[in-house]
């Protein structure tokens, strides 16, 4: 009985061992299969949008690999290898997904897909040239982001005139005030700008900055003295005597002067002040008649008419003092009628009428005026030249 039980227990134990062995073998085979399956995978180094990963895959091509990773590829994406490249062990793949950006140029908008890293790289990729004068709303080295807006204001040429000095410059569409600020031009209080600062700058405009200054100018002007004649009964008729010499006065005038670009455009008298008073010249004119005297000379009597050779002169001739032999200041009295005579023919102080010249006084003499010859005074050289040399009739009036 006991032996029978031992045999039965021995048989049961053998069956259990068999089952355990069989199960272990199956696990071993499965593990070996899995190991062999995993061992046949390729190791791939992936850089996906900047993130590095290492994966094992049975994918046949790069396209299959991205399908397994559930990543959709766009034609604008950056892929370091072609999508149909066979996957091999230790393969390195870099993928950058394209981003959508908007470019605005002179109010025109256009959408792009790009995998570029920076704004500068994107512009180069799309052959969009930005000149040094154009205005870009972003730093060229800025990282490109999804839905980024890139605005480019194209520059155009125009003329800038500051204080009369002209130069060719570049600008983008902006107001005149902002344009001047960009150019580093400061306006003074009185300066004027054409066109107005609020207007928009456009191509081929001329921006004119007129520098305006208000200054004070002090001018000193002479005050001409007058020649006052007084009859002197103690002085022989026809003779003159200077009682007191004349002196010019001095007048100080203050003007408010407006300058535009350094040139005077207006002048306004603000005040004036006499610095020095003038002193008139006093000349005594003889009225004394000597009854007993009988003329023995060649002086012509009153009322007589005769012909003389005449020339002309001015107070501004070379070596001229501007004063007559009788003391008349011709420069101070430019409209006076005076002739130079030979006193032996026409006494100084004689009033005459000269044909073509008018009423005059014989108040001057000259070394070249001899005999029947006179020199006629004119205030301007052109009038003197116009008179020239000619024969005229003269009449003695006193």
Protein backbone atom coordinates (compact mmCIF):
# COMPACT_ATOMS: atom_id res chain seq x y z
CA UNK A 1 0.00 0.00 0.00
CA UNK A 2 2.74 2.38 0.97
CA UNK A 3 4.73 1.50 -2.12
CA UNK A 4 1.76 2.21 -4.34
CA UNK A 5 1.41 5.70 -2.91
CA UNK A 6 5.12 6.42 -3.46
CA UNK A 7 4.84 5.46 -7.13
CA UNK A 8 1.78 7.64 -7.57
CA UNK A 9 3.50 10.70 -5.99
CA UNK A 10 6.61 10.17 -8.13
CA UNK A 11 4.54 10.16 -11.30
CA UNK A 12 2.67 13.35 -10.28
CA UNK A 13 5.91 15.20 -9.55
CA UNK A 14 7.34 14.28 -12.93
CA UNK A 15 4.33 15.75 -14.72
CA UNK A 16 4.71 19.03 -12.82
CA UNK A 17 8.36 19.27 -13.77
CA UNK A 18 7.43 18.68 -17.34
CA UNK A 19 4.85 21.46 -17.30
CA UNK A 20 7.28 23.90 -15.69
CA UNK A 21 9.97 23.04 -18.16
CA UNK A 22 7.62 23.46 -21.07
CA UNK A 23 6.46 26.86 -19.84
CA UNK A 24 10.01 28.04 -19.26
CA UNK A 25 10.98 26.92 -22.70
CA UNK A 26 8.14 28.81 -24.30
CA UNK A 27 9.09 31.99 -22.38
CA UNK A 28 12.68 31.52 -23.47
CA UNK A 29 11.67 31.13 -27.09
CA UNK A 30 9.40 34.20 -26.90
CA UNK A 31 12.11 36.27 -25.26
CA UNK A 32 14.60 35.09 -27.78
CA UNK A 33 12.22 36.02 -30.57
CA UNK A 34 11.64 39.45 -29.12
CA UNK A 35 15.37 39.95 -28.63
CA UNK A 36 16.05 38.87 -32.16
CA UNK A 37 13.25 41.15 -33.44
CA UNK A 38 14.51 44.15 -31.52
CA UNK A 39 18.01 43.37 -32.59
CA UNK A 40 17.07 43.77 -36.21
CA UNK A 41 15.85 47.39 -35.69
CA UNK A 42 17.96 50.35 -36.90
CA UNK A 43 19.05 53.04 -34.45
CA UNK A 44 18.22 56.52 -35.77
CA UNK A 45 19.24 59.92 -34.25
CA UNK A 46 16.43 62.43 -34.81
CA UNK A 47 16.47 66.20 -34.29
CA UNK A 48 12.81 67.20 -34.42
CA UNK A 49 12.24 70.97 -34.32
CA UNK A 50 15.33 71.38 -32.15
CA UNK A 51 14.61 68.40 -29.86
CA UNK A 52 17.03 65.44 -30.05
CA UNK A 53 15.77 61.85 -29.86
CA UNK A 54 17.26 58.41 -30.48
CA UNK A 55 14.81 55.70 -31.66
CA UNK A 56 14.94 52.15 -33.00
CA UNK A 57 12.80 51.43 -36.00
CA UNK A 58 11.97 48.88 -38.66
CA UNK A 59 10.81 51.68 -41.00
CA UNK A 60 12.06 51.18 -44.52
CA UNK A 61 12.31 54.87 -45.59
CA UNK A 62 12.37 58.24 -43.86
CA UNK A 63 8.80 58.80 -45.05
CA UNK A 64 7.77 55.52 -43.32
CA UNK A 65 9.60 56.63 -40.18
CA UNK A 66 7.67 59.92 -39.99
CA UNK A 67 4.42 58.08 -40.73
CA UNK A 68 5.18 55.80 -37.74
CA UNK A 69 5.81 58.92 -35.64
CA UNK A 70 2.50 60.40 -36.88
CA UNK A 71 4.30 63.51 -38.23
CA UNK A 72 2.96 65.07 -41.44
CA UNK A 73 5.62 66.52 -43.70
CA UNK A 74 5.13 69.66 -45.80
CA UNK A 75 7.09 70.49 -48.90
CA UNK A 76 8.27 73.71 -47.20
CA UNK A 77 9.68 71.81 -44.17
CA UNK A 78 13.41 71.45 -43.79
CA UNK A 79 14.54 67.81 -43.95
CA UNK A 80 18.23 67.01 -43.97
CA UNK A 81 17.64 63.96 -46.21
CA UNK A 82 15.18 63.11 -48.96
CA UNK A 83 11.96 61.40 -47.80
CA UNK A 84 12.71 58.32 -49.94
CA UNK A 85 16.11 57.78 -48.29
CA UNK A 86 16.51 54.21 -46.93
CA UNK A 87 16.73 54.00 -43.16
CA UNK A 88 20.05 52.56 -42.00
CA UNK A 89 21.57 52.00 -38.61
CA UNK A 90 23.07 55.11 -36.96
CA UNK A 91 21.32 57.42 -39.45
CA UNK A 92 21.01 61.10 -38.40
CA UNK A 93 17.94 63.06 -39.51
CA UNK A 94 17.20 66.76 -38.88
CA UNK A 95 13.65 68.06 -39.40
CA UNK A 96 12.38 71.63 -38.98
CA UNK A 97 8.67 72.23 -39.52
CA UNK A 98 7.74 75.18 -41.75
CA UNK A 99 6.17 78.21 -40.10
CA UNK A 100 3.60 80.51 -41.67
CA UNK A 101 4.67 84.18 -41.78
CA UNK A 102 3.15 87.27 -43.38
CA UNK A 103 5.17 89.86 -45.31
CA UNK A 104 3.79 93.38 -45.78
CA UNK A 105 5.50 95.53 -48.42
CA UNK A 106 4.07 98.98 -49.18
CA UNK A 107 0.59 97.91 -48.01
CA UNK A 108 0.71 94.65 -50.03
CA UNK A 109 0.40 91.45 -47.95
CA UNK A 110 1.67 87.97 -48.84
CA UNK A 111 1.80 84.72 -46.83
CA UNK A 112 4.81 82.37 -46.87
CA UNK A 113 5.70 78.95 -45.42
CA UNK A 114 9.32 78.69 -44.35
CA UNK A 115 11.66 76.65 -42.19
CA UNK A 116 14.23 79.45 -41.92
CA UNK A 117 15.62 80.14 -38.45
CA UNK A 118 15.87 83.93 -38.54
CA UNK A 119 14.27 86.87 -40.32
CA UNK A 120 17.50 87.41 -42.26
CA UNK A 121 17.58 83.76 -43.41
CA UNK A 122 13.94 83.94 -44.50
CA UNK A 123 14.47 87.11 -46.56
CA UNK A 124 17.51 85.53 -48.23
CA UNK A 125 15.55 82.33 -48.91
CA UNK A 126 12.74 84.27 -50.60
CA UNK A 127 15.13 86.65 -52.45
CA UNK A 128 13.57 89.66 -50.71
CA UNK A 129 16.20 92.42 -50.73
CA UNK A 130 16.06 95.06 -48.00
CA UNK A 131 18.32 98.03 -48.76
CA UNK A 132 20.11 100.07 -46.12
CA UNK A 133 17.53 102.85 -46.51
CA UNK A 134 14.46 100.58 -46.22
CA UNK A 135 12.73 100.23 -42.87
CA UNK A 136 12.28 96.72 -41.40
CA UNK A 137 10.04 96.31 -38.36
CA UNK A 138 12.13 93.43 -36.94
CA UNK A 139 15.78 92.84 -36.16
CA UNK A 140 17.26 90.75 -39.01
CA UNK A 141 18.74 88.38 -36.43
CA UNK A 142 15.40 87.83 -34.67
CA UNK A 143 14.22 84.20 -34.44
CA UNK A 144 11.44 83.41 -36.86
CA UNK A 145 8.18 82.45 -35.13
CA UNK A 146 4.84 81.09 -36.23
CA UNK A 147 2.41 83.72 -37.62
CA UNK A 148 5.11 86.41 -37.45
CA UNK A 149 4.42 89.63 -39.41
CA UNK A 150 7.37 91.14 -41.30
CA UNK A 151 6.76 94.71 -42.47
CA UNK A 152 9.07 96.40 -44.99
CA UNK A 153 8.73 100.09 -45.78
CA UNK A 154 10.52 100.79 -49.04
CA UNK A 155 12.66 103.93 -49.10
CA UNK A 156 12.47 106.52 -51.87
CA UNK A 157 14.67 109.46 -52.84
CA UNK A 158 13.87 113.13 -52.25
CA UNK A 159 15.67 116.44 -51.81
CA UNK A 160 16.39 118.11 -48.48
CA UNK A 161 17.32 121.79 -48.41
CA UNK A 162 18.53 123.17 -45.07
CA UNK A 163 19.58 126.80 -44.88
CA UNK A 164 19.93 126.93 -48.66
CA UNK A 165 22.19 123.83 -48.84
CA UNK A 166 20.69 121.01 -50.94
CA UNK A 167 21.30 117.28 -50.59
CA UNK A 168 19.74 114.05 -51.90
CA UNK A 169 18.41 111.79 -49.14
CA UNK A 170 16.32 108.63 -48.69
CA UNK A 171 13.18 108.22 -46.61
CA UNK A 172 10.23 105.94 -45.99
CA UNK A 173 6.66 107.19 -46.01
CA UNK A 174 6.28 109.35 -42.91
CA UNK A 175 5.35 112.90 -41.90
CA UNK A 176 7.66 115.85 -42.57
CA UNK A 177 8.14 116.28 -38.79
CA UNK A 178 9.22 112.64 -38.31
CA UNK A 179 11.44 112.81 -41.40
CA UNK A 180 13.30 115.85 -40.00
CA UNK A 181 13.71 114.03 -36.68
CA UNK A 182 15.16 110.99 -38.49
CA UNK A 183 17.62 113.27 -40.25
CA UNK A 184 18.68 114.84 -36.92
CA UNK A 185 17.49 118.32 -37.92
CA UNK A 186 16.42 120.62 -35.08
CA UNK A 187 14.15 123.56 -35.84
CA UNK A 188 14.70 126.89 -34.12
CA UNK A 189 11.80 129.03 -32.93
CA UNK A 190 11.51 131.17 -36.07
CA UNK A 191 12.50 128.56 -38.66
CA UNK A 192 10.01 127.72 -41.41
CA UNK A 193 9.46 124.38 -43.18
CA UNK A 194 7.93 123.81 -46.61
CA UNK A 195 5.73 121.77 -46.90
CA UNK A 196 4.07 121.80 -43.45
CA UNK A 197 5.33 119.36 -40.83
CA UNK A 198 2.05 117.41 -40.63
CA UNK A 199 2.10 116.51 -44.33
CA UNK A 200 3.27 113.10 -45.53
CA UNK A 201 6.61 112.76 -47.30
CA UNK A 202 6.36 111.27 -50.79
CA UNK A 203 8.78 110.37 -53.57
CA UNK A 204 10.64 113.27 -55.25
CA UNK A 205 9.42 115.78 -52.64
CA UNK A 206 11.57 118.80 -51.80
CA UNK A 207 11.72 119.47 -48.05
CA UNK A 208 12.90 123.03 -47.53
CA UNK A 209 14.04 124.15 -44.07
CA UNK A 210 14.38 127.94 -44.06
CA UNK A 211 16.54 129.21 -41.23
CA UNK A 212 15.00 132.44 -39.91
CA UNK A 213 16.82 134.89 -37.63
CA UNK A 214 15.77 138.17 -36.07
CA UNK A 215 18.69 140.51 -35.40
CA UNK A 216 19.18 144.15 -34.46
CA UNK A 217 21.18 146.42 -36.75
CA UNK A 218 22.42 149.82 -35.57
CA UNK A 219 23.19 152.27 -38.36
CA UNK A 220 24.70 155.70 -37.87
CA UNK A 221 23.76 158.21 -40.55
CA UNK A 222 25.08 161.75 -41.01
CA UNK A 223 22.70 164.69 -40.71
CA UNK A 224 23.56 167.11 -43.51
CA UNK A 225 23.90 170.72 -42.53
CA UNK A 226 22.27 173.50 -44.53
CA UNK A 227 23.99 176.56 -46.03
CA UNK A 228 22.33 179.72 -44.76
CA UNK A 229 23.05 182.96 -46.58
CA UNK A 230 22.68 186.32 -44.93
CA UNK A 231 22.91 189.71 -46.59
CA UNK A 232 25.79 191.81 -45.34
CA UNK A 233 25.67 195.50 -46.17
CA UNK A 234 29.23 195.91 -45.05
CA UNK A 235 30.45 193.46 -47.64
CA UNK A 236 30.85 194.53 -51.24
CA UNK A 237 28.12 193.16 -53.50
CA UNK A 238 29.15 189.96 -55.26
CA UNK A 239 31.47 188.90 -52.48
CA UNK A 240 30.89 186.20 -49.89
CA UNK A 241 32.28 185.51 -46.47
CA UNK A 242 31.95 182.36 -44.36
CA UNK A 243 30.68 183.42 -40.95
CA UNK A 244 30.64 179.91 -39.43
CA UNK A 245 31.62 176.55 -40.84
CA UNK A 246 28.96 173.87 -40.97
CA UNK A 247 29.26 170.55 -39.16
CA UNK A 248 27.34 167.37 -39.91
CA UNK A 249 25.22 165.85 -37.16
CA UNK A 250 24.93 162.13 -36.39
CA UNK A 251 21.75 160.04 -36.17
CA UNK A 252 21.68 156.53 -34.70
CA UNK A 253 18.94 154.25 -36.10
CA UNK A 254 18.00 150.86 -34.61
CA UNK A 255 16.47 148.38 -37.07
CA UNK A 256 14.85 145.00 -36.52
CA UNK A 257 16.15 142.84 -39.37
CA UNK A 258 14.73 139.47 -40.48
CA UNK A 259 17.22 137.10 -42.14
CA UNK A 260 16.25 133.99 -44.08
CA UNK A 261 19.14 131.61 -44.77
CA UNK A 262 21.49 134.47 -43.89
CA UNK A 263 19.92 136.94 -46.36
CA UNK A 264 17.98 140.04 -45.33
CA UNK A 265 14.29 139.89 -46.29
CA UNK A 266 12.84 142.72 -44.21
CA UNK A 267 13.97 145.69 -42.14
CA UNK A 268 11.85 147.66 -39.66
CA UNK A 269 12.91 150.90 -37.95
CA UNK A 270 12.46 150.43 -34.20
CA UNK A 271 13.94 153.65 -32.83
CA UNK A 272 16.25 156.53 -33.70
CA UNK A 273 18.31 158.90 -31.63
CA UNK A 274 20.35 162.01 -32.39
CA UNK A 275 23.89 161.39 -31.27
CA UNK A 276 25.19 164.75 -32.44
CA UNK A 277 23.35 167.90 -33.53
CA UNK A 278 24.20 169.46 -36.88
CA UNK A 279 25.54 173.03 -37.21
CA UNK A 280 24.46 174.95 -40.30
CA UNK A 281 27.01 176.88 -42.30
CA UNK A 282 26.44 180.62 -42.40
CA UNK A 283 27.63 182.61 -45.44
CA UNK A 284 27.47 186.41 -45.61
CA UNK A 285 26.49 187.75 -49.05
CA UNK A 286 27.72 191.27 -49.81
CA UNK A 287 25.07 193.87 -50.72
CA UNK A 288 27.19 197.00 -50.54
CA UNK A 289 27.19 198.94 -53.85
CA UNK A 290 30.11 201.26 -54.50
CA UNK A 291 28.51 204.02 -56.59
CA UNK A 292 31.67 205.84 -57.49
CA UNK A 293 33.36 202.73 -58.71
CA UNK A 294 33.61 202.41 -62.44
CA UNK A 295 34.16 198.95 -63.79
CA UNK A 296 37.40 198.80 -65.68
CA UNK A 297 37.63 195.09 -65.97
CA UNK A 298 36.00 192.70 -68.40
CA UNK A 299 33.19 191.73 -66.04
CA UNK A 300 29.94 191.58 -67.97
CA UNK A 301 27.11 193.96 -67.01
CA UNK A 302 23.68 192.70 -65.84
CA UNK A 303 21.31 191.81 -68.65
CA UNK A 304 23.98 191.11 -71.18
CA UNK A 305 23.89 187.87 -73.17
CA UNK A 306 26.90 186.23 -74.77
CA UNK A 307 28.20 182.80 -75.77
CA UNK A 308 30.66 180.74 -73.78
CA UNK A 309 32.29 177.30 -74.09
CA UNK A 310 30.86 174.98 -71.44
CA UNK A 311 31.99 171.72 -69.84
CA UNK A 312 30.60 169.84 -66.83
CA UNK A 313 31.94 168.55 -63.50
CA UNK A 314 30.77 166.77 -60.31
CA UNK A 315 31.59 166.97 -56.60
CA UNK A 316 33.07 163.46 -56.67
CA UNK A 317 35.79 163.97 -59.22
CA UNK A 318 39.38 162.94 -58.42
CA UNK A 319 40.95 165.57 -56.16
CA UNK A 320 37.65 167.44 -55.63
CA UNK A 321 36.81 168.56 -52.09
CA UNK A 322 33.10 168.85 -52.79
CA UNK A 323 33.10 172.52 -51.77
CA UNK A 324 33.02 175.51 -54.10
CA UNK A 325 35.34 178.48 -53.95
CA UNK A 326 32.56 180.34 -52.09
CA UNK A 327 32.16 177.54 -49.52
CA UNK A 328 29.03 175.77 -50.80
CA UNK A 329 28.97 172.03 -49.92
CA UNK A 330 27.93 170.46 -53.23
CA UNK A 331 27.66 166.97 -51.74
CA UNK A 332 25.24 168.23 -49.08
CA UNK A 333 23.31 170.22 -51.71
CA UNK A 334 23.28 167.99 -54.81
CA UNK A 335 20.36 169.82 -56.45
CA UNK A 336 21.89 173.30 -56.33
CA UNK A 337 22.64 174.99 -59.68
CA UNK A 338 26.27 176.18 -59.69
CA UNK A 339 28.74 177.12 -62.39
CA UNK A 340 32.48 177.63 -62.20
CA UNK A 341 33.65 180.84 -63.89
CA UNK A 342 36.60 183.10 -64.52
CA UNK A 343 35.90 185.84 -61.90
CA UNK A 344 37.48 188.43 -64.17
CA UNK A 345 34.67 187.78 -66.68
CA UNK A 346 31.77 186.81 -64.36
CA UNK A 347 32.26 187.80 -60.68
CA UNK A 348 31.65 185.15 -58.01
CA UNK A 349 28.14 185.44 -56.63
CA UNK A 350 26.65 186.56 -59.96
CA UNK A 351 23.27 185.06 -60.81
CA UNK A 352 23.03 183.83 -64.38
CA UNK A 353 20.81 181.94 -66.76
CA UNK A 354 22.56 179.23 -68.81
CA UNK A 355 20.92 177.93 -71.96
CA UNK A 356 19.95 174.26 -71.48
CA UNK A 357 20.90 174.33 -67.77
CA UNK A 358 18.70 176.99 -66.15
CA UNK A 359 19.14 179.57 -63.43
CA UNK A 360 22.41 179.27 -61.53
CA UNK A 361 24.94 181.09 -59.40
CA UNK A 362 28.59 181.70 -60.25
CA UNK A 363 29.95 180.19 -57.02
CA UNK A 364 33.05 178.29 -58.10
CA UNK A 365 36.20 178.69 -60.13
CA UNK A 366 38.87 176.42 -61.53
CA UNK A 367 42.39 176.56 -62.90
CA UNK A 368 41.16 175.44 -66.33
CA UNK A 369 38.26 177.92 -66.40
CA UNK A 370 39.68 180.99 -68.12
CA UNK A 371 38.06 183.72 -70.18
CA UNK A 372 34.69 183.01 -71.78
CA UNK A 373 34.40 179.51 -70.45
CA UNK A 374 32.20 177.96 -67.72
CA UNK A 375 32.04 174.58 -65.94
CA UNK A 376 28.50 173.40 -65.12
CA UNK A 377 27.87 171.38 -61.90
CA UNK A 378 25.92 168.11 -61.99
CA UNK A 379 25.27 165.76 -59.03
CA UNK A 380 26.00 162.59 -61.04
CA UNK A 381 28.84 161.61 -63.34
CA UNK A 382 26.42 160.28 -65.95
CA UNK A 383 24.72 163.69 -66.22
CA UNK A 384 28.10 165.39 -66.51
CA UNK A 385 29.16 163.06 -69.33
CA UNK A 386 25.81 163.63 -71.01
CA UNK A 387 26.36 167.43 -70.99
CA UNK A 388 29.79 167.01 -72.55
CA UNK A 389 31.43 170.06 -74.13
CA UNK A 390 29.35 172.56 -76.05
CA UNK A 391 28.84 176.26 -76.82
CA UNK A 392 25.89 177.81 -74.98
CA UNK A 393 24.34 181.24 -74.47
CA UNK A 394 24.57 182.78 -70.97
CA UNK A 395 22.71 185.77 -69.55
CA UNK A 396 23.88 187.90 -66.64
CA UNK A 397 20.96 188.55 -64.24
CA UNK A 398 22.56 190.89 -61.66
